[in-house]
PDB file of N, CA and C in Angstrom:
ATOM      1  N   MET A   1       3.187 -40.945 -11.424  1.00  0.00           N
ATOM      2  CA  MET A   1       2.785 -40.152 -12.346  1.00  0.00           C
ATOM      3  C   MET A   1       3.990 -38.945 -13.027  1.00  0.00           C
ATOM      4  N   VAL A   2       4.905 -39.222 -14.106  1.00  0.00           N
ATOM      5  CA  VAL A   2       5.181 -38.410 -14.834  1.00  0.00           C
ATOM      6  C   VAL A   2       4.974 -37.472 -15.757  1.00  0.00           C
ATOM      7  N   MET A   3       5.212 -35.978 -15.201  1.00  0.00           N
ATOM      8  CA  MET A   3       5.358 -35.084 -16.158  1.00  0.00           C
ATOM      9  C   MET A   3       6.219 -35.040 -17.108  1.00  0.00           C
ATOM     10  N   LYS A   4       5.625 -33.994 -18.593  1.00  0.00           N
ATOM     11  CA  LYS A   4       6.681 -33.266 -19.442  1.00  0.00           C
ATOM     12  C   LYS A   4       7.486 -32.435 -19.123  1.00  0.00           C
ATOM     13  N   PRO A   5       7.761 -32.055 -19.328  1.00  0.00           N
ATOM     14  CA  PRO A   5       9.104 -30.327 -18.798  1.00  0.00           C
ATOM     15  C   PRO A   5       8.706 -29.707 -19.228  1.00  0.00           C
ATOM     16  N   GLU A   6       7.221 -29.642 -20.525  1.00  0.00           N
ATOM     17  CA  GLU A   6       6.781 -28.080 -21.197  1.00  0.00           C
ATOM     18  C   GLU A   6       5.805 -28.429 -19.886  1.00  0.00           C
ATOM     19  N   THR A   7       4.742 -28.802 -18.969  1.00  0.00           N
ATOM     20  CA  THR A   7       4.280 -28.923 -18.347  1.00  0.00           C
ATOM     21  C   THR A   7       4.653 -28.365 -16.647  1.00  0.00           C
ATOM     22  N   LYS A   8       6.136 -29.238 -16.738  1.00  0.00           N
ATOM     23  CA  LYS A   8       6.561 -28.311 -14.899  1.00  0.00           C
ATOM     24  C   LYS A   8       6.405 -27.208 -15.010  1.00  0.00           C
ATOM     25  N   ASN A   9       6.509 -26.719 -16.449  1.00  0.00           N
ATOM     26  CA  ASN A   9       7.819 -25.099 -16.188  1.00  0.00           C
ATOM     27  C   ASN A   9       5.693 -24.068 -16.901  1.00  0.00           C
ATOM     28  N   LEU A  10       4.887 -25.464 -17.253  1.00  0.00           N
ATOM     29  CA  LEU A  10       3.619 -24.087 -17.496  1.00  0.00           C
ATOM     30  C   LEU A  10       3.316 -24.617 -16.016  1.00  0.00           C
ATOM     31  N   VAL A  11       3.771 -25.409 -14.430  1.00  0.00           N
ATOM     32  CA  VAL A  11       3.315 -24.697 -13.518  1.00  0.00           C
ATOM     33  C   VAL A  11       3.426 -24.299 -12.827  1.00  0.00           C
ATOM     34  N   PHE A  12       5.206 -24.393 -12.716  1.00  0.00           N
ATOM     35  CA  PHE A  12       5.826 -22.931 -12.128  1.00  0.00           C
ATOM     36  C   PHE A  12       5.264 -21.246 -12.574  1.00  0.00           C
ATOM     37  N   VAL A  13       5.356 -21.285 -14.490  1.00  0.00           N
ATOM     38  CA  VAL A  13       4.287 -20.313 -14.335  1.00  0.00           C
ATOM     39  C   VAL A  13       3.739 -20.185 -13.567  1.00  0.00           C
ATOM     40  N   ILE A  14       2.520 -20.793 -13.641  1.00  0.00           N
ATOM     41  CA  ILE A  14       1.090 -20.302 -13.134  1.00  0.00           C
ATOM     42  C   ILE A  14       1.189 -20.411 -11.895  1.00  0.00           C
ATOM     43  N   LEU A  15       1.947 -20.758 -10.694  1.00  0.00           N
ATOM     44  CA  LEU A  15       2.777 -20.674  -9.383  1.00  0.00           C
ATOM     45  C   LEU A  15       3.272 -19.371  -9.419  1.00  0.00           C
ATOM     46  N   ALA A  16       4.231 -18.773 -10.175  1.00  0.00           N
ATOM     47  CA  ALA A  16       5.397 -17.744  -9.920  1.00  0.00           C
ATOM     48  C   ALA A  16       3.903 -16.813 -10.388  1.00  0.00           C
ATOM     49  N   ILE A  17       2.995 -16.729 -11.741  1.00  0.00           N
ATOM     50  CA  ILE A  17       1.948 -15.544 -11.696  1.00  0.00           C
ATOM     51  C   ILE A  17       0.865 -15.136 -10.634  1.00  0.00           C
ATOM     52  N   ILE A  18       0.922 -16.038  -9.572  1.00  0.00           N
ATOM     53  CA  ILE A  18      -0.425 -16.566  -8.137  1.00  0.00           C
ATOM     54  C   ILE A  18       0.357 -15.783  -6.790  1.00  0.00           C
ATOM     55  N   GLY A  19       2.129 -16.057  -6.873  1.00  0.00           N
ATOM     56  CA  GLY A  19       2.601 -15.639  -5.707  1.00  0.00           C
ATOM     57  C   GLY A  19       2.678 -14.161  -6.066  1.00  0.00           C
ATOM     58  N   GLY A  20       3.231 -13.433  -7.265  1.00  0.00           N
ATOM     59  CA  GLY A  20       3.557 -12.419  -7.720  1.00  0.00           C
ATOM     60  C   GLY A  20       1.841 -11.547  -8.117  1.00  0.00           C
ATOM     61  N   ILE A  21       0.862 -12.489  -7.524  1.00  0.00           N
ATOM     62  CA  ILE A  21      -0.466 -11.542  -8.025  1.00  0.00           C
ATOM     63  C   ILE A  21      -0.734 -11.151  -6.469  1.00  0.00           C
ATOM     64  N   VAL A  22      -0.371 -12.430  -4.978  1.00  0.00           N
ATOM     65  CA  VAL A  22      -0.509 -12.254  -3.335  1.00  0.00           C
ATOM     66  C   VAL A  22       0.288 -11.118  -3.561  1.00  0.00           C
ATOM     67  N   VAL A  23       1.708 -10.613  -3.527  1.00  0.00           N
ATOM     68  CA  VAL A  23       2.624 -10.512  -3.059  1.00  0.00           C
ATOM     69  C   VAL A  23       2.482  -8.750  -3.297  1.00  0.00           C
ATOM     70  N   LEU A  24       1.612  -8.512  -4.691  1.00  0.00           N
ATOM     71  CA  LEU A  24       1.506  -7.039  -4.799  1.00  0.00           C
ATOM     72  C   LEU A  24      -0.137  -6.661  -4.660  1.00  0.00           C
ATOM     73  N   GLY A  25      -0.809  -7.891  -4.007  1.00  0.00           N
ATOM     74  CA  GLY A  25      -1.841  -7.897  -3.662  1.00  0.00           C
ATOM     75  C   GLY A  25      -1.350  -7.056  -1.919  1.00  0.00           C
ATOM     76  N   TRP A  26      -0.379  -7.574  -0.741  1.00  0.00           N
ATOM     77  CA  TRP A  26      -0.244  -7.435   0.206  1.00  0.00           C
ATOM     78  C   TRP A  26       0.656  -6.220  -0.216  1.00  0.00           C
ATOM     79  N   ALA A  27       1.355  -5.794  -0.551  1.00  0.00           N
ATOM     80  CA  ALA A  27       1.879  -4.663  -0.267  1.00  0.00           C
ATOM     81  C   ALA A  27       1.959  -3.234  -1.419  1.00  0.00           C
ATOM     82  N   LEU A  28       0.803  -3.694  -1.555  1.00  0.00           N
ATOM     83  CA  LEU A  28      -0.733  -2.683  -2.264  1.00  0.00           C
ATOM     84  C   LEU A  28      -1.463  -2.222  -0.681  1.00  0.00           C
ATOM     85  N   LYS A  29      -1.633  -3.077   0.075  1.00  0.00           N
ATOM     86  CA  LYS A  29      -2.516  -3.413   1.128  1.00  0.00           C
ATOM     87  C   LYS A  29      -1.868  -1.871   2.113  1.00  0.00           C
ATOM     88  N   ILE A  30      -0.629  -2.251   2.348  1.00  0.00           N
ATOM     89  CA  ILE A  30       0.668  -1.590   3.036  1.00  0.00           C
ATOM     90  C   ILE A  30       0.551  -0.098   2.868  1.00  0.00           C
ATOM     91  N   ALA A  31       0.944  -0.139   1.388  1.00  0.00           N
ATOM     92  CA  ALA A  31       0.825   1.133   0.879  1.00  0.00           C
ATOM     93  C   ALA A  31      -0.297   2.398   1.471  1.00  0.00           C
ATOM     94  N   PHE A  32      -1.358   1.647   0.773  1.00  0.00           N
ATOM     95  CA  PHE A  32      -2.467   1.999   0.913  1.00  0.00           C
ATOM     96  C   PHE A  32      -2.936   2.550   2.515  1.00  0.00           C
ATOM     97  N   LYS A  33      -2.851   2.007   2.978  1.00  0.00           N
ATOM     98  CA  LYS A  33      -2.404   2.074   4.579  1.00  0.00           C
ATOM     99  C   LYS A  33      -1.658   2.889   5.170  1.00  0.00           C
ATOM    100  N   LEU A  34      -0.922   3.493   4.840  1.00  0.00           N
ATOM    101  CA  LEU A  34       0.948   4.297   4.903  1.00  0.00           C
ATOM    102  C   LEU A  34      -0.264   5.304   4.192  1.00  0.00           C
ATOM    103  N   VAL A  35      -0.323   5.632   3.093  1.00  0.00           N
ATOM    104  CA  VAL A  35      -1.040   6.757   2.984  1.00  0.00           C
ATOM    105  C   VAL A  35      -1.988   7.204   3.594  1.00  0.00           C
ATOM    106  N   GLY A  36      -2.997   6.185   4.012  1.00  0.00           N
ATOM    107  CA  GLY A  36      -3.926   6.940   5.058  1.00  0.00           C
ATOM    108  C   GLY A  36      -3.348   7.606   5.901  1.00  0.00           C
ATOM    109  N   ILE A  37      -2.681   7.018   6.763  1.00  0.00           N
ATOM    110  CA  ILE A  37      -2.053   7.502   8.059  1.00  0.00           C
ATOM    111  C   ILE A  37      -1.522   8.788   7.874  1.00  0.00           C
ATOM    112  N   ALA A  38      -0.742   9.200   6.251  1.00  0.00           N
ATOM    113  CA  ALA A  38      -0.104  10.883   6.144  1.00  0.00           C
ATOM    114  C   ALA A  38      -1.380  11.909   6.116  1.00  0.00           C
ATOM    115  N   ILE A  39      -2.144  11.097   5.093  1.00  0.00           N
ATOM    116  CA  ILE A  39      -3.703  11.735   4.671  1.00  0.00           C
ATOM    117  C   ILE A  39      -4.299  12.815   6.733  1.00  0.00           C
ATOM    118  N   VAL A  40      -4.376  11.927   7.300  1.00  0.00           N
ATOM    119  CA  VAL A  40      -4.580  11.766   8.702  1.00  0.00           C
ATOM    120  C   VAL A  40      -3.457  13.329   9.466  1.00  0.00           C
ATOM    121  N   LEU A  41      -2.489  12.963   8.894  1.00  0.00           N
ATOM    122  CA  LEU A  41      -1.582  13.386   9.898  1.00  0.00           C
ATOM    123  C   LEU A  41      -1.600  14.924   9.378  1.00  0.00           C
ATOM    124  N   GLY A  42      -1.792  14.421   8.196  1.00  0.00           N
ATOM    125  CA  GLY A  42      -0.906  16.214   7.308  1.00  0.00           C
ATOM    126  C   GLY A  42      -2.523  16.516   7.310  1.00  0.00           C
ATOM    127  N   LEU A  43      -3.225  16.314   7.931  1.00  0.00           N
ATOM    128  CA  LEU A  43      -4.718  17.452   8.095  1.00  0.00           C
ATOM    129  C   LEU A  43      -3.925  17.552   9.240  1.00  0.00           C
ATOM    130  N   ALA A  44      -4.182  17.215  10.417  1.00  0.00           N
ATOM    131  CA  ALA A  44      -3.665  17.049  11.918  1.00  0.00           C
ATOM    132  C   ALA A  44      -2.639  18.350  11.885  1.00  0.00           C
ATOM    133  N   VAL A  45      -1.910  18.384  10.848  1.00  0.00           N
ATOM    134  CA  VAL A  45      -1.367  19.418  10.591  1.00  0.00           C
ATOM    135  C   VAL A  45      -1.499  21.015  10.647  1.00  0.00           C
ATOM    136  N   LEU A  46      -2.316  20.232   9.332  1.00  0.00           N
ATOM    137  CA  LEU A  46      -2.944  21.852   8.456  1.00  0.00           C
ATOM    138  C   LEU A  46      -4.014  22.297   9.881  1.00  0.00           C
ATOM    139  N   ALA A  47      -4.248  21.114  10.219  1.00  0.00           N
ATOM    140  CA  ALA A  47      -5.349  21.914  11.179  1.00  0.00           C
ATOM    141  C   ALA A  47      -5.067  22.817  12.720  1.00  0.00           C
ATOM    142  N   TYR A  48      -3.752  22.339  13.033  1.00  0.00           N
ATOM    143  CA  TYR A  48      -2.957  23.088  13.906  1.00  0.00           C
ATOM    144  C   TYR A  48      -2.541  23.896  13.525  1.00  0.00           C
ATOM    145  N   ILE A  49      -1.563  24.061  12.039  1.00  0.00           N
ATOM    146  CA  ILE A  49      -1.868  26.088  11.364  1.00  0.00           C
ATOM    147  C   ILE A  49      -2.816  26.428  11.610  1.00  0.00           C
ATOM    148  N   PHE A  50      -3.644  26.141  11.343  1.00  0.00           N
ATOM    149  CA  PHE A  50      -4.597  27.144  11.104  1.00  0.00           C
ATOM    150  C   PHE A  50      -5.066  28.039  12.245  1.00  0.00           C
ATOM    151  N   ILE A  51      -5.081  26.386  13.819  1.00  0.00           N
ATOM    152  CA  ILE A  51      -5.410  27.581  15.355  1.00  0.00           C
ATOM    153  C   ILE A  51      -4.954  27.819  15.246  1.00  0.00           C
ATOM    154  N   GLN A  52      -3.945  28.373  15.226  1.00  0.00           N
ATOM    155  CA  GLN A  52      -2.514  28.733  15.486  1.00  0.00           C
ATOM    156  C   GLN A  52      -2.227  30.602  15.011  1.00  0.00           C
ATOM    157  N   ASN A  53      -2.044  30.380  13.714  1.00  0.00           N
ATOM    158  CA  ASN A  53      -2.636  31.163  13.211  1.00  0.00           C
ATOM    159  C   ASN A  53      -4.433  32.199  13.483  1.00  0.00           C
ATOM    160  N   MET A  54      -5.697  31.611  13.378  1.00  0.00           N
ATOM    161  CA  MET A  54      -6.455  31.825  14.007  1.00  0.00           C
ATOM    162  C   MET A  54      -6.555  32.835  15.309  1.00  0.00           C
ATOM    163  N   VAL A  55      -5.858  31.528  16.927  1.00  0.00           N
ATOM    164  CA  VAL A  55      -5.356  32.335  17.698  1.00  0.00           C
ATOM    165  C   VAL A  55      -4.406  33.585  17.887  1.00  0.00           C
ATOM    166  N   GLY A  56      -3.386  34.043  17.116  1.00  0.00           N
ATOM    167  CA  GLY A  56      -2.201  34.806  16.603  1.00  0.00           C
ATOM    168  C   GLY A  56      -2.652  35.958  16.662  1.00  0.00           C
ATOM    169  N   LYS A  57      -3.885  36.086  15.752  1.00  0.00           N
ATOM    170  CA  LYS A  57      -4.583  36.605  14.846  1.00  0.00           C
ATOM    171  C   LYS A  57      -5.400  38.062  16.281  1.00  0.00           C
ATOM    172  N   GLY A  58      -5.982  36.773  16.934  1.00  0.00           N
ATOM    173  CA  GLY A  58      -7.269  37.030  18.134  1.00  0.00           C
ATOM    174  C   GLY A  58      -5.908  37.891  19.249  1.00  0.00           C
ATOM    175  N   ARG A  59      -4.738  38.330  19.439  1.00  0.00           N
ATOM    176  CA  ARG A  59      -4.030  38.827  20.375  1.00  0.00           C
ATOM    177  C   ARG A  59      -4.375  40.386  20.318  1.00  0.00           C
TER     178      ARG A  59
END
C-alpha cells in the first residue's frame, strides 16, 4: 500500500496532535499535584504561625 505525500503529512499531523494532548495532560496532572502540595504546606505554615501567636499572647 503506497500512501500519497498528503496522506502521510495528515497522519503525522494527527499523531503529533494526539501526542501533544497526552503530554499536556501529563504536565497538567503533575502541576495540579504540586499545587495541592503547596496549598497543604501553606495551610500548615499559617496554622503554625497562628498557634505561635496564640501561645505567645497567653504568656
